[in-house]
């Protein structure tokens, strides 16, 4: 049996095996990416990041990937694409800089007056700089943008922010069209490693990195699995949903889970206690 398995692996080309694994039911139920990855040169993908301009200030630290790889300043054209809570484009910002990182202060002017939403980051470089890392024997460069979003209460007296990566998204541009490698598959339950503590309140932010409506079912239960609450909503393509949970009046701990068709259905979580807060991934 083992020999037959090895024989089949040797017979079928790698491209065929990848196609079966990533594209055909029932093999692709938990694969979070589309198989048909773009092949154009210097492809770069980005997380789908959260911005808050409600009672928070947001700043974003963006990386200059090529400068980091070459370990020297390289002129980079940074571009940021912003979307509101219903998935409509609400802002665009661009800047050129040759540093290893830049910090962007995201305010309502940049995002068209929106209070919450999502964005992704793209970069362009002069061809002469990119070609320093490419030879005829190498594949095109792939940049992955996993910058940091920092959040600070507007009323806070401290200048410090709490930072977190963006959610899985694999956003990119192709011929000036917004696309994503994220794909909806079978229904998945996601239970974060967080206990809903009494005396605290929470905000859960779910963004939809796909071009289809995303169904979301949120379930709250006690530690003894006693049902507390269930909520079902639909998030627009490229949209975002904020779920607020005030547990400050309860005396018991709760568990939270949610069901979506995203194999990686994480949320960005804000946990509040009096004047302090923390932000983290699920």
Protein backbone atom coordinates (compact mmCIF):
# COMPACT_ATOMS: atom_id res chain seq x y z
CA UNK A 1 0.00 0.00 0.00
CA UNK A 2 2.84 2.39 0.89
CA UNK A 3 4.64 1.59 -2.35
CA UNK A 4 1.47 2.25 -4.38
CA UNK A 5 1.01 5.58 -2.62
CA UNK A 6 4.60 6.60 -3.36
CA UNK A 7 4.20 5.46 -6.97
CA UNK A 8 1.10 7.67 -7.43
CA UNK A 9 2.91 10.64 -5.92
CA UNK A 10 5.73 10.18 -8.42
CA UNK A 11 3.42 9.68 -11.41
CA UNK A 12 1.27 12.81 -11.02
CA UNK A 13 2.93 16.18 -11.66
CA UNK A 14 3.13 18.59 -8.74
CA UNK A 15 0.72 20.99 -10.45
CA UNK A 16 -1.97 18.27 -10.66
CA UNK A 17 -1.51 17.35 -7.01
CA UNK A 18 -1.80 20.99 -6.00
CA UNK A 19 -4.95 21.40 -8.08
CA UNK A 20 -6.57 18.39 -6.39
CA UNK A 21 -5.60 19.54 -2.92
CA UNK A 22 -6.56 23.20 -3.29
CA UNK A 23 -9.51 23.14 -5.68
CA UNK A 24 -11.53 19.95 -5.68
CA UNK A 25 -14.21 18.93 -3.19
CA UNK A 26 -13.84 17.34 -0.66
CA UNK A 27 -10.10 18.01 -0.39
CA UNK A 28 -10.30 21.80 -0.11
CA UNK A 29 -12.66 22.20 2.84
CA UNK A 30 -10.09 23.73 5.17
CA UNK A 31 -7.75 25.45 2.70
CA UNK A 32 -7.99 29.21 3.38
CA UNK A 33 -6.48 30.35 0.04
CA UNK A 34 -7.61 30.24 -3.54
CA UNK A 35 -5.54 27.97 -5.75
CA UNK A 36 -5.34 30.32 -8.74
CA UNK A 37 -2.66 32.56 -7.30
CA UNK A 38 -1.65 35.52 -9.48
CA UNK A 39 1.55 35.07 -11.43
CA UNK A 40 2.37 38.68 -12.28
CA UNK A 41 5.80 39.94 -11.22
CA UNK A 42 6.49 41.49 -7.82
CA UNK A 43 3.16 40.37 -6.40
CA UNK A 44 2.43 41.69 -2.89
CA UNK A 45 -0.38 40.73 -0.54
CA UNK A 46 -1.58 42.43 2.60
CA UNK A 47 -3.45 41.61 5.77
CA UNK A 48 -6.87 43.21 6.11
CA UNK A 49 -6.37 45.72 8.91
CA UNK A 50 -8.86 47.41 11.23
CA UNK A 51 -9.08 51.16 11.69
CA UNK A 52 -11.01 52.95 14.43
CA UNK A 53 -11.84 56.65 14.34
CA UNK A 54 -14.71 56.51 16.83
CA UNK A 55 -13.40 57.14 20.33
CA UNK A 56 -9.98 55.79 19.36
CA UNK A 57 -6.97 57.03 17.43
CA UNK A 58 -5.36 54.63 14.96
CA UNK A 59 -1.82 54.59 13.63
CA UNK A 60 -0.27 52.07 11.27
CA UNK A 61 3.37 51.02 11.00
CA UNK A 62 4.02 49.94 7.40
CA UNK A 63 7.14 48.07 6.31
CA UNK A 64 9.34 48.84 3.34
CA UNK A 65 9.98 45.19 2.47
CA UNK A 66 12.65 45.73 -0.16
CA UNK A 67 14.64 48.10 2.05
CA UNK A 68 14.52 45.54 4.85
CA UNK A 69 15.73 42.78 2.52
CA UNK A 70 18.56 44.87 1.06
CA UNK A 71 19.37 46.42 4.48
CA UNK A 72 19.57 49.93 3.06
CA UNK A 73 17.22 52.79 2.19
CA UNK A 74 15.15 52.16 -0.96
CA UNK A 75 12.51 54.56 -2.27
CA UNK A 76 9.09 53.00 -1.78
CA UNK A 77 5.66 54.14 -2.92
CA UNK A 78 3.24 53.18 -0.11
CA UNK A 79 -0.46 52.99 -0.97
CA UNK A 80 -3.36 52.45 1.45
CA UNK A 81 -6.91 51.48 0.45
CA UNK A 82 -9.72 52.07 2.98
CA UNK A 83 -13.21 50.53 3.16
CA UNK A 84 -16.14 51.42 5.41
CA UNK A 85 -18.26 49.00 7.44
CA UNK A 86 -20.46 48.07 4.46
CA UNK A 87 -17.45 47.38 2.23
CA UNK A 88 -17.48 50.54 0.12
CA UNK A 89 -14.20 52.28 -0.66
CA UNK A 90 -14.01 55.33 1.58
CA UNK A 91 -10.44 56.56 1.25
CA UNK A 92 -7.04 56.31 -0.36
CA UNK A 93 -3.67 57.58 0.83
CA UNK A 94 -0.22 57.37 -0.74
CA UNK A 95 3.24 58.53 0.23
CA UNK A 96 6.84 57.95 -0.91
CA UNK A 97 9.57 57.24 1.61
CA UNK A 98 12.95 55.47 1.61
CA UNK A 99 12.97 54.40 5.27
CA UNK A 100 12.55 50.87 6.61
CA UNK A 101 9.17 51.78 8.12
CA UNK A 102 6.67 54.61 8.01
CA UNK A 103 3.96 55.49 10.54
CA UNK A 104 0.58 56.61 9.20
CA UNK A 105 -1.86 58.46 11.44
CA UNK A 106 -5.32 57.41 10.29
CA UNK A 107 -7.96 60.07 10.89
CA UNK A 108 -11.50 60.75 9.68
CA UNK A 109 -10.21 63.00 6.91
CA UNK A 110 -8.32 60.09 5.34
CA UNK A 111 -11.27 57.66 5.64
CA UNK A 112 -14.06 59.97 4.50
CA UNK A 113 -15.51 60.58 7.96
CA UNK A 114 -16.05 56.88 8.73
CA UNK A 115 -15.76 55.66 12.33
CA UNK A 116 -14.71 52.04 11.71
CA UNK A 117 -13.56 50.06 8.71
CA UNK A 118 -10.78 48.04 7.11
CA UNK A 119 -7.78 48.77 4.93
CA UNK A 120 -4.85 47.11 3.20
CA UNK A 121 -1.36 48.20 2.19
CA UNK A 122 0.50 47.92 -1.13
CA UNK A 123 3.95 49.01 -2.30
CA UNK A 124 5.63 49.90 -5.59
CA UNK A 125 9.36 50.14 -6.34
CA UNK A 126 11.41 51.29 -9.33
CA UNK A 127 12.16 48.27 -11.51
CA UNK A 128 15.90 48.83 -11.18
CA UNK A 129 15.67 48.30 -7.42
CA UNK A 130 13.51 45.20 -7.62
CA UNK A 131 15.78 43.65 -10.24
CA UNK A 132 18.68 43.72 -7.80
CA UNK A 133 17.07 40.72 -6.12
CA UNK A 134 15.90 38.94 -9.24
CA UNK A 135 17.87 36.89 -11.72
CA UNK A 136 16.69 34.80 -14.64
CA UNK A 137 16.86 31.69 -12.46
CA UNK A 138 14.63 32.98 -9.66
CA UNK A 139 10.87 33.31 -9.34
CA UNK A 140 9.22 36.76 -9.00
CA UNK A 141 9.30 38.46 -5.62
CA UNK A 142 6.33 38.07 -3.29
CA UNK A 143 5.90 40.70 -0.58
CA UNK A 144 3.61 40.07 2.38
CA UNK A 145 2.50 43.13 4.32
CA UNK A 146 1.92 42.31 7.98
CA UNK A 147 2.32 45.73 9.54
CA UNK A 148 1.04 46.78 12.94
CA UNK A 149 -2.09 48.76 13.78
CA UNK A 150 -1.85 50.80 16.96
CA UNK A 151 -4.87 51.96 18.95
CA UNK A 152 -5.14 54.64 21.61
CA UNK A 153 -8.15 56.13 23.36
CA UNK A 154 -8.71 59.72 22.29
CA UNK A 155 -9.25 60.80 25.89
CA UNK A 156 -6.14 59.00 27.12
CA UNK A 157 -3.40 61.06 28.76
CA UNK A 158 -0.70 58.60 27.70
CA UNK A 159 0.92 58.77 24.23
CA UNK A 160 1.31 54.98 24.15
CA UNK A 161 -0.72 52.76 21.80
CA UNK A 162 -1.54 49.04 21.85
CA UNK A 163 -0.51 47.28 18.63
CA UNK A 164 -1.77 44.21 16.81
CA UNK A 165 -1.33 42.55 13.41
CA UNK A 166 -4.11 42.64 10.87
CA UNK A 167 -6.52 39.79 10.32
CA UNK A 168 -5.88 37.16 7.68
CA UNK A 169 -6.93 38.58 4.36
CA UNK A 170 -4.33 38.24 1.57
CA UNK A 171 -5.62 41.38 -0.13
CA UNK A 172 -3.99 42.64 -3.33
CA UNK A 173 -4.50 44.65 -6.51
CA UNK A 174 -4.66 43.19 -10.00
CA UNK A 175 -5.11 45.65 -12.87
CA UNK A 176 -6.33 48.21 -10.31
CA UNK A 177 -9.05 45.83 -9.09
CA UNK A 178 -9.23 44.87 -5.42
CA UNK A 179 -8.90 41.10 -5.05
CA UNK A 180 -8.22 38.58 -2.31
CA UNK A 181 -6.72 35.13 -1.96
CA UNK A 182 -9.08 34.45 0.95
CA UNK A 183 -11.94 32.09 0.14
CA UNK A 184 -15.06 30.84 1.87
CA UNK A 185 -15.21 27.07 2.35
CA UNK A 186 -17.19 24.78 4.64
CA UNK A 187 -18.61 26.12 7.89
CA UNK A 188 -16.01 26.36 10.64
CA UNK A 189 -16.42 26.95 14.36
CA UNK A 190 -13.81 29.22 15.91
CA UNK A 191 -13.32 29.39 19.69
CA UNK A 192 -10.70 31.95 20.74
CA UNK A 193 -8.37 31.35 23.65
CA UNK A 194 -10.02 34.01 25.75
CA UNK A 195 -12.43 33.86 28.68
CA UNK A 196 -15.16 36.52 28.83
CA UNK A 197 -14.45 37.83 32.30
CA UNK A 198 -17.03 39.39 34.61
CA UNK A 199 -16.64 43.09 35.31
CA UNK A 200 -15.22 43.62 31.80
CA UNK A 201 -16.64 44.63 28.42
CA UNK A 202 -15.51 43.69 24.92
CA UNK A 203 -15.61 44.73 21.28
CA UNK A 204 -15.17 42.02 18.64
CA UNK A 205 -14.37 43.21 15.10
CA UNK A 206 -14.98 40.77 12.24
CA UNK A 207 -13.99 41.80 8.72
CA UNK A 208 -14.86 40.03 5.49
CA UNK A 209 -11.84 39.74 3.15
CA UNK A 210 -13.85 38.07 0.37
CA UNK A 211 -16.15 39.33 -2.41
CA UNK A 212 -19.14 37.34 -1.15
CA UNK A 213 -21.51 37.99 1.74
CA UNK A 214 -20.12 36.34 4.87
CA UNK A 215 -22.57 34.73 7.31
CA UNK A 216 -21.51 34.97 10.94
CA UNK A 217 -23.12 33.19 13.91
CA UNK A 218 -21.93 34.20 17.39
CA UNK A 219 -22.63 31.94 20.36
CA UNK A 220 -22.22 32.73 24.06
CA UNK A 221 -22.32 30.04 26.73
CA UNK A 222 -21.32 29.47 30.34
CA UNK A 223 -18.37 27.36 31.40
CA UNK A 224 -20.87 24.50 31.97
CA UNK A 225 -22.05 24.87 28.34
CA UNK A 226 -25.34 26.51 29.29
CA UNK A 227 -26.60 28.56 26.36
CA UNK A 228 -26.66 32.32 26.96
CA UNK A 229 -27.06 34.05 23.59
CA UNK A 230 -26.87 33.55 19.83
CA UNK A 231 -26.65 36.20 17.12
CA UNK A 232 -26.62 35.79 13.35
CA UNK A 233 -25.58 38.55 10.96
CA UNK A 234 -24.28 38.92 7.40
CA UNK A 235 -21.17 40.96 6.63
CA UNK A 236 -20.97 42.64 3.24
CA UNK A 237 -18.03 41.90 0.93
CA UNK A 238 -14.98 43.81 2.22
CA UNK A 239 -17.17 45.01 5.11
CA UNK A 240 -16.76 44.82 8.87
CA UNK A 241 -18.99 44.07 11.85
CA UNK A 242 -18.57 45.25 15.44
CA UNK A 243 -20.03 43.04 18.18
CA UNK A 244 -20.15 44.70 21.60
CA UNK A 245 -20.38 42.54 24.71
CA UNK A 246 -20.81 44.13 28.13
CA UNK A 247 -20.15 41.51 30.80
CA UNK A 248 -19.59 44.02 33.59
CA UNK A 249 -22.93 43.24 35.27
CA UNK A 250 -22.40 39.46 35.35
CA UNK A 251 -20.76 37.45 38.08
CA UNK A 252 -19.75 34.45 35.99
CA UNK A 253 -17.24 33.80 33.23
CA UNK A 254 -18.49 33.09 29.71
CA UNK A 255 -17.17 31.36 26.60
CA UNK A 256 -17.62 32.74 23.10
CA UNK A 257 -17.52 30.95 19.74
CA UNK A 258 -18.51 31.85 16.22
CA UNK A 259 -19.25 30.07 12.98
CA UNK A 260 -18.27 31.30 9.51
CA UNK A 261 -17.17 29.84 6.19
CA UNK A 262 -13.67 31.26 6.63
CA UNK A 263 -11.14 28.55 7.58
CA UNK A 264 -9.28 31.29 9.47
CA UNK A 265 -12.15 33.28 10.97
CA UNK A 266 -10.31 35.35 13.54
CA UNK A 267 -11.53 38.55 15.18
CA UNK A 268 -9.73 41.57 16.57
CA UNK A 269 -10.72 41.84 20.23
CA UNK A 270 -10.70 44.86 22.53
CA UNK A 271 -11.03 44.09 26.23
CA UNK A 272 -11.96 46.98 28.55
CA UNK A 273 -11.74 47.39 32.30
CA UNK A 274 -12.43 50.86 33.64
CA UNK A 275 -9.96 53.23 31.93
CA UNK A 276 -7.61 50.54 30.63
CA UNK A 277 -7.92 48.29 27.57
CA UNK A 278 -6.06 45.59 25.70
CA UNK A 279 -6.24 44.59 22.02
CA UNK A 280 -5.32 41.20 20.63
CA UNK A 281 -6.14 38.54 18.07
CA UNK A 282 -8.41 35.67 18.83
